Amino acid sequence: MVPMKQPFALTMHFNMKKINYFTTIIFSLGIGLSQGPSSTLFQQEKGHDKKGKWIRDHYKYSVGNIEQLDIEIDYGVGELTIDANSKPNLISGNIFYYPTKWDPEIKYTERGGTGVFSVNTNHDNKYEWDIGDDFRLGSGFKNFDNSLEFSVPTGIPIEIDMDFGIGEANLDLTDLTLSRVMIDCGLGEMNVQMLKPNPMTCDFLKIDTGLGEFNAEGLGNLNAREVDIEVGMGSADIDFRGHFTNDVEIDIEVGMGSLDLVLPYNVNVRAKVHHNFLSSVDLDDFVKKGNHYLTEDWDSDRPTIYLDISVGLGSVDINRR
């Protein structure tokens, strides 16, 4: 999580009242970028409520003839949504914020056949927290002031590097072409789904959770070669079923948290476990052979998942469905 200046203030209101607002439309002429796209902020809404002045910026970027798209998101506090764009070669979305608390920086550039779309809400540590009387730790960290929604193009190999702090994030990776995915989730709730097979092999998938809650569905469809899952003190519920075409190595480290991992029946699984008497590891339908655990229905013609599991004071449950 990104350090915030002290004292810090978090203002949360679960009972939102209807607000009056006015809208200002701004059409920009665009900013010329060498080897890059035309700009960007094409519409802006402004208003005022009991929390102060607010802004909603709308963005559109035309993606050129690039070989790869890098998506870099550093998002501290709020609600976040990323999904596939139904329109080809287009990045579009909006961000809502209070400028006295937040100063987001959104850019898109192209150089040497690679496009870079970046979102940074932590570049000046401006956001302050004010914990209200209605805040509860178990409330799920929802109803934050800030929100971001963006859709990114399909058909282009994409590398995603996301650092998410507090709030709720929803990533629908379905229909995207993914070559590398790295997700760092701090104290918030993150939901990820990949409901169709990846058109290419994903070289690397990294999931790192802190105190938050991580939920994923269909991650086997990424067709990743190498996977790194780290669970600190939070919880992760990961459904790794999907379409496999190659073997995959999954390295799992759990500290004081919990991991529920679902694997498919149509692959072999070989697991190596490092744990102690304070940890809990449950391998459903596995047989122990030497220092490893193997699935009983082993078939050499199928892809194999190689698990390397290390558990401290937490728990790991592996099930096949």
Protein backbone atom coordinates (compact mmCIF):
# COMPACT_ATOMS: atom_id res chain seq x y z
CA MET A 1 0.00 0.00 0.00
CA VAL A 2 1.25 3.51 -0.75
CA PRO A 3 2.21 5.57 2.33
CA MET A 4 -0.09 8.48 3.08
CA LYS A 5 0.79 11.72 4.84
CA GLN A 6 -0.12 12.16 8.51
CA PRO A 7 -2.56 12.91 9.89
CA PHE A 8 -4.72 11.01 7.44
CA ALA A 9 -8.44 11.30 7.06
CA LEU A 10 -11.01 8.84 5.58
CA THR A 11 -14.55 10.12 5.00
CA MET A 12 -17.15 7.42 4.33
CA HIS A 13 -20.91 7.90 4.06
CA PHE A 14 -23.17 4.88 3.60
CA ASN A 15 -26.37 6.95 3.28
CA MET A 16 -25.94 9.06 0.15
CA LYS A 17 -28.51 11.82 -0.51
CA LYS A 18 -29.54 13.09 -3.89
CA ILE A 19 -27.38 16.01 -4.98
CA ASN A 20 -27.94 18.85 -7.43
CA TYR A 21 -25.21 19.43 -9.92
CA PHE A 22 -24.35 21.33 -13.03
CA THR A 23 -22.48 19.97 -16.00
CA THR A 24 -19.78 21.63 -18.04
CA ILE A 25 -18.83 20.04 -21.35
CA ILE A 26 -15.33 20.63 -22.61
CA PHE A 27 -14.22 19.42 -26.02
CA SER A 28 -10.44 19.47 -26.37
CA LEU A 29 -8.55 19.83 -29.61
CA GLY A 30 -5.99 17.21 -28.58
CA ILE A 31 -2.36 17.22 -27.63
CA GLY A 32 0.15 16.24 -30.30
CA LEU A 33 2.39 13.34 -29.21
CA SER A 34 5.32 12.14 -31.27
CA GLN A 35 4.62 8.57 -32.37
CA GLY A 36 1.50 8.67 -30.21
CA PRO A 37 -2.28 9.02 -30.28
CA SER A 38 -4.45 12.06 -30.29
CA SER A 39 -5.77 13.20 -26.92
CA THR A 40 -7.78 12.33 -24.42
CA LEU A 41 -9.99 14.29 -22.07
CA PHE A 42 -12.98 15.01 -24.28
CA GLN A 43 -15.67 15.72 -21.70
CA GLN A 44 -15.76 16.96 -18.12
CA GLU A 45 -18.60 17.25 -15.63
CA LYS A 46 -18.34 19.43 -12.55
CA GLY A 47 -20.55 19.81 -9.54
CA HIS A 48 -20.77 20.49 -5.82
CA ASP A 49 -22.26 18.58 -2.90
CA LYS A 50 -21.86 18.48 0.88
CA LYS A 51 -18.39 16.98 0.49
CA GLY A 52 -17.25 19.78 -1.77
CA LYS A 53 -16.46 20.25 -5.43
CA TRP A 54 -16.44 17.11 -7.56
CA ILE A 55 -15.26 16.33 -11.09
CA ARG A 56 -15.97 13.50 -13.50
CA ASP A 57 -13.48 13.30 -16.37
CA HIS A 58 -14.27 11.27 -19.49
CA TYR A 59 -11.42 9.94 -21.64
CA LYS A 60 -11.04 8.41 -25.10
CA TYR A 61 -7.78 7.26 -26.63
CA SER A 62 -7.46 5.92 -30.17
CA VAL A 63 -4.96 3.06 -30.16
CA GLY A 64 -2.64 2.93 -33.15
CA ASN A 65 -0.94 0.01 -34.91
CA ILE A 66 0.91 -1.30 -31.86
CA GLU A 67 2.28 -4.76 -31.05
CA GLN A 68 1.69 -4.57 -27.28
CA LEU A 69 -0.30 -2.58 -24.74
CA ASP A 70 1.03 -2.04 -21.22
CA ILE A 71 -1.56 -1.14 -18.59
CA GLU A 72 -0.08 0.34 -15.40
CA ILE A 73 -2.51 1.21 -12.62
CA ASP A 74 -1.60 2.56 -9.18
CA TYR A 75 -4.95 3.14 -7.46
CA GLY A 76 -5.00 3.99 -3.77
CA VAL A 77 -8.59 4.38 -2.57
CA GLY A 78 -11.98 3.91 -4.20
CA GLU A 79 -13.91 1.77 -6.65
CA LEU A 80 -12.29 0.48 -9.82
CA THR A 81 -13.63 -1.37 -12.87
CA ILE A 82 -11.63 -2.65 -15.86
CA ASP A 83 -13.10 -4.67 -18.74
CA ALA A 84 -12.90 -5.25 -22.50
CA ASN A 85 -14.03 -2.58 -24.93
CA SER A 86 -16.66 -3.57 -27.46
CA LYS A 87 -15.14 -1.05 -29.89
CA PRO A 88 -11.79 -2.00 -31.48
CA ASN A 89 -8.61 0.04 -30.92
CA LEU A 90 -10.17 2.22 -28.26
CA ILE A 91 -9.44 2.94 -24.59
CA SER A 92 -12.37 4.73 -23.00
CA GLY A 93 -13.67 5.45 -19.52
CA ASN A 94 -14.18 7.97 -16.78
CA ILE A 95 -12.95 8.85 -13.31
CA PHE A 96 -14.91 10.57 -10.53
CA TYR A 97 -13.08 12.43 -7.75
CA TYR A 98 -12.97 15.40 -5.37
CA PRO A 99 -10.04 17.60 -6.48
CA THR A 100 -9.35 18.88 -2.94
CA LYS A 101 -8.58 15.29 -1.89
CA TRP A 102 -7.39 13.66 -5.10
CA ASP A 103 -5.29 14.60 -8.11
CA PRO A 104 -5.40 11.65 -10.55
CA GLU A 105 -2.96 11.41 -13.42
CA ILE A 106 -4.05 9.50 -16.54
CA LYS A 107 -1.87 9.13 -19.63
CA TYR A 108 -1.60 7.17 -22.86
CA THR A 109 1.49 7.20 -25.07
CA GLU A 110 2.86 5.09 -27.91
CA ARG A 111 6.49 4.45 -28.73
CA GLY A 112 8.37 1.74 -30.58
CA GLY A 113 5.31 -0.43 -31.21
CA THR A 114 4.18 -0.36 -27.56
CA GLY A 115 1.32 1.60 -26.09
CA VAL A 116 1.35 2.54 -22.39
CA PHE A 117 -1.87 3.38 -20.57
CA SER A 118 -1.19 4.55 -17.01
CA VAL A 119 -3.37 5.59 -14.09
CA ASN A 120 -1.73 7.05 -11.00
CA THR A 121 -3.76 8.36 -8.06
CA ASN A 122 -0.90 8.30 -5.57
CA HIS A 123 1.73 10.43 -7.24
CA ASP A 124 1.42 13.29 -4.72
CA ASN A 125 -0.02 11.47 -1.64
CA LYS A 126 -2.78 14.07 -1.62
CA TYR A 127 -5.63 11.86 -0.46
CA GLU A 128 -6.64 12.28 3.20
CA TRP A 129 -8.77 9.96 5.30
CA ASP A 130 -11.31 10.93 7.89
CA ILE A 131 -12.78 7.86 9.62
CA GLY A 132 -16.42 8.62 10.32
CA ASP A 133 -18.73 7.26 12.99
CA ASP A 134 -20.42 4.96 10.48
CA PHE A 135 -17.16 3.20 9.52
CA ARG A 136 -16.75 -0.45 10.51
CA LEU A 137 -13.80 -2.72 9.72
CA GLY A 138 -16.09 -5.52 8.57
CA SER A 139 -18.12 -3.32 6.23
CA GLY A 140 -16.12 -4.38 3.19
CA PHE A 141 -14.47 -0.98 2.59
CA LYS A 142 -17.15 0.13 0.15
CA ASN A 143 -18.88 3.41 -0.70
CA PHE A 144 -15.72 5.42 -1.19
CA ASP A 145 -15.84 8.83 -2.83
CA ASN A 146 -13.66 8.00 -5.84
CA SER A 147 -14.45 5.74 -8.77
CA LEU A 148 -12.77 4.74 -12.02
CA GLU A 149 -14.16 2.76 -14.97
CA PHE A 150 -12.16 1.96 -18.12
CA SER A 151 -12.55 -0.41 -21.06
CA VAL A 152 -9.48 -1.52 -23.01
CA PRO A 153 -9.20 -3.00 -26.52
CA THR A 154 -9.24 -6.66 -27.47
CA GLY A 155 -6.98 -8.34 -30.01
CA ILE A 156 -3.75 -6.68 -28.75
CA PRO A 157 -1.34 -8.51 -26.42
CA ILE A 158 -1.69 -6.82 -23.02
CA GLU A 159 0.53 -6.68 -19.96
CA ILE A 160 -1.28 -5.58 -16.78
CA ASP A 161 0.53 -4.27 -13.70
CA MET A 162 -1.98 -3.25 -11.02
CA ASP A 163 -1.35 -1.95 -7.51
CA PHE A 164 -4.69 -1.57 -5.70
CA GLY A 165 -5.04 -0.25 -2.14
CA ILE A 166 -8.40 0.11 -0.40
CA GLY A 167 -11.91 -0.16 -1.80
CA GLU A 168 -13.48 -2.51 -4.33
CA ALA A 169 -11.97 -3.55 -7.68
CA ASN A 170 -13.66 -5.55 -10.42
CA LEU A 171 -11.53 -6.87 -13.28
CA ASP A 172 -13.29 -8.65 -16.13
CA LEU A 173 -10.44 -10.01 -18.27
CA THR A 174 -12.79 -11.95 -20.55
CA ASP A 175 -12.08 -11.35 -24.28
CA LEU A 176 -8.70 -9.71 -23.58
CA THR A 177 -5.42 -11.05 -24.98
CA LEU A 178 -3.10 -11.28 -21.99
CA SER A 179 0.64 -11.94 -22.04
CA ARG A 180 1.43 -10.97 -18.43
CA VAL A 181 -0.73 -10.10 -15.38
CA MET A 182 0.53 -8.78 -12.04
CA ILE A 183 -1.96 -7.83 -9.32
CA ASP A 184 -1.10 -6.39 -5.91
CA CYS A 185 -4.17 -6.05 -3.66
CA GLY A 186 -3.75 -4.34 -0.30
CA LEU A 187 -6.66 -3.90 2.11
CA GLY A 188 -9.56 -3.91 -0.31
CA GLU A 189 -11.78 -6.40 -2.09
CA MET A 190 -10.85 -7.54 -5.59
CA ASN A 191 -12.92 -9.67 -7.97
CA VAL A 192 -11.34 -11.07 -11.15
CA GLN A 193 -12.86 -13.21 -13.87
CA MET A 194 -11.63 -14.73 -17.15
CA LEU A 195 -14.55 -16.62 -18.66
CA LYS A 196 -13.08 -17.43 -22.11
CA PRO A 197 -9.76 -18.97 -23.17
CA ASN A 198 -6.90 -16.54 -23.63
CA PRO A 199 -6.01 -16.25 -27.35
CA MET A 200 -2.32 -16.52 -26.39
CA THR A 201 -0.17 -18.04 -23.65
CA CYS A 202 0.24 -15.85 -20.57
CA ASP A 203 3.89 -15.98 -19.56
CA PHE A 204 3.39 -14.94 -15.93
CA LEU A 205 0.53 -14.38 -13.46
CA LYS A 206 1.22 -12.86 -10.05
CA ILE A 207 -1.39 -12.38 -7.31
CA ASP A 208 -0.29 -10.70 -4.08
CA THR A 209 -2.89 -10.02 -1.38
CA GLY A 210 -2.34 -8.28 1.95
CA LEU A 211 -5.19 -7.88 4.43
CA GLY A 212 -7.83 -7.83 1.75
CA GLU A 213 -10.19 -10.28 0.07
CA PHE A 214 -9.39 -11.69 -3.35
CA ASN A 215 -11.88 -13.65 -5.48
CA ALA A 216 -11.23 -15.06 -8.94
CA GLU A 217 -13.09 -17.21 -11.46
CA GLY A 218 -11.82 -18.99 -14.56
CA LEU A 219 -8.13 -18.16 -14.16
CA GLY A 220 -7.20 -21.42 -15.86
CA ASN A 221 -8.36 -19.73 -19.08
CA LEU A 222 -5.33 -17.46 -18.91
CA ASN A 223 -3.25 -20.47 -19.98
CA ALA A 224 -0.36 -19.20 -17.85
CA ARG A 225 3.04 -20.90 -17.80
CA GLU A 226 4.08 -19.60 -14.38
CA VAL A 227 1.90 -18.44 -11.47
CA ASP A 228 2.91 -16.81 -8.18
CA ILE A 229 0.25 -16.53 -5.44
CA GLU A 230 1.03 -14.79 -2.13
CA VAL A 231 -1.56 -14.42 0.63
CA GLY A 232 -0.58 -12.38 3.69
CA MET A 233 -3.22 -12.00 6.40
CA GLY A 234 -6.22 -11.83 4.09
CA SER A 235 -8.20 -14.43 2.18
CA ALA A 236 -8.16 -15.65 -1.41
CA ASP A 237 -10.77 -17.78 -3.16
CA ILE A 238 -9.37 -18.72 -6.58
CA ASP A 239 -11.10 -20.87 -9.17
CA PHE A 240 -8.31 -21.98 -11.50
CA ARG A 241 -10.48 -23.99 -13.84
CA GLY A 242 -10.46 -23.33 -17.56
CA HIS A 243 -8.83 -24.33 -20.82
CA PHE A 244 -5.25 -25.61 -20.42
CA THR A 245 -2.90 -26.28 -23.36
CA ASN A 246 0.42 -26.47 -21.50
CA ASP A 247 1.90 -27.33 -18.11
CA VAL A 248 1.86 -24.66 -15.42
CA GLU A 249 3.96 -24.07 -12.31
CA ILE A 250 2.10 -22.49 -9.38
CA ASP A 251 4.13 -21.20 -6.45
CA ILE A 252 1.95 -20.57 -3.37
CA GLU A 253 2.96 -18.74 -0.17
CA VAL A 254 0.44 -18.21 2.64
CA GLY A 255 1.34 -16.37 5.83
CA MET A 256 -1.49 -15.96 8.34
CA GLY A 257 -4.27 -15.87 5.78
CA SER A 258 -6.29 -18.49 3.92
CA LEU A 259 -6.38 -19.77 0.35
CA ASP A 260 -9.12 -21.86 -1.26
CA LEU A 261 -7.91 -23.08 -4.65
CA VAL A 262 -10.13 -24.96 -7.11
CA LEU A 263 -8.44 -26.98 -9.88
CA PRO A 264 -10.05 -28.82 -12.81
CA TYR A 265 -10.33 -32.57 -13.27
CA ASN A 266 -8.93 -32.53 -16.80
CA VAL A 267 -5.31 -31.94 -15.72
CA ASN A 268 -2.72 -33.78 -13.61
CA VAL A 269 -1.61 -32.19 -10.34
CA ARG A 270 1.70 -32.73 -8.55
CA ALA A 271 2.07 -30.90 -5.22
CA LYS A 272 4.98 -30.28 -2.89
CA VAL A 273 4.02 -28.95 0.55
CA HIS A 274 6.06 -27.05 3.15
CA HIS A 275 4.16 -26.47 6.40
CA ASN A 276 4.31 -26.88 10.19
CA PHE A 277 2.06 -28.01 13.01
CA LEU A 278 0.47 -24.53 13.24
CA SER A 279 -0.66 -24.51 9.61
CA SER A 280 -3.48 -26.34 7.84
CA VAL A 281 -3.20 -27.95 4.39
CA ASP A 282 -6.05 -29.98 2.87
CA LEU A 283 -5.48 -31.78 -0.44
CA ASP A 284 -8.68 -33.37 -1.69
CA ASP A 285 -8.37 -36.60 -3.75
CA PHE A 286 -4.56 -36.66 -3.66
CA VAL A 287 -2.27 -39.58 -2.84
CA LYS A 288 1.14 -39.15 -1.22
CA LYS A 289 4.14 -40.62 -3.00
CA GLY A 290 7.45 -39.82 -1.35
CA ASN A 291 7.67 -36.07 -0.74
CA HIS A 292 4.89 -35.23 -3.19
CA TYR A 293 1.13 -35.48 -3.53
CA LEU A 294 -0.32 -36.67 -6.83
CA THR A 295 -3.79 -36.89 -8.32
CA GLU A 296 -5.02 -40.46 -8.49
CA ASP A 297 -6.27 -40.28 -12.09
CA TRP A 298 -2.89 -39.38 -13.59
CA ASP A 299 -2.84 -39.31 -17.40
CA SER A 300 0.46 -38.53 -19.18
CA ASP A 301 -1.44 -37.14 -22.19
CA ARG A 302 -2.89 -34.27 -20.15
CA PRO A 303 -1.28 -30.99 -19.02
CA THR A 304 0.16 -30.98 -15.50
CA ILE A 305 -0.11 -28.39 -12.72
CA TYR A 306 2.97 -28.33 -10.50
CA LEU A 307 2.20 -26.88 -7.06
CA ASP A 308 4.83 -25.67 -4.60
CA ILE A 309 2.98 -24.74 -1.39
CA SER A 310 4.47 -22.96 1.64
CA VAL A 311 2.23 -22.19 4.64
CA GLY A 312 3.07 -20.33 7.85
CA LEU A 313 0.19 -19.89 10.32
CA GLY A 314 -2.52 -19.93 7.69
CA SER A 315 -4.50 -22.50 5.74
CA VAL A 316 -4.62 -23.89 2.19
CA ASP A 317 -7.46 -25.98 0.77
CA ILE A 318 -7.04 -27.55 -2.68
CA ASN A 319 -10.12 -29.05 -4.34
CA ARG A 320 -10.87 -30.42 -7.80
CA ARG A 321 -14.18 -29.86 -9.52
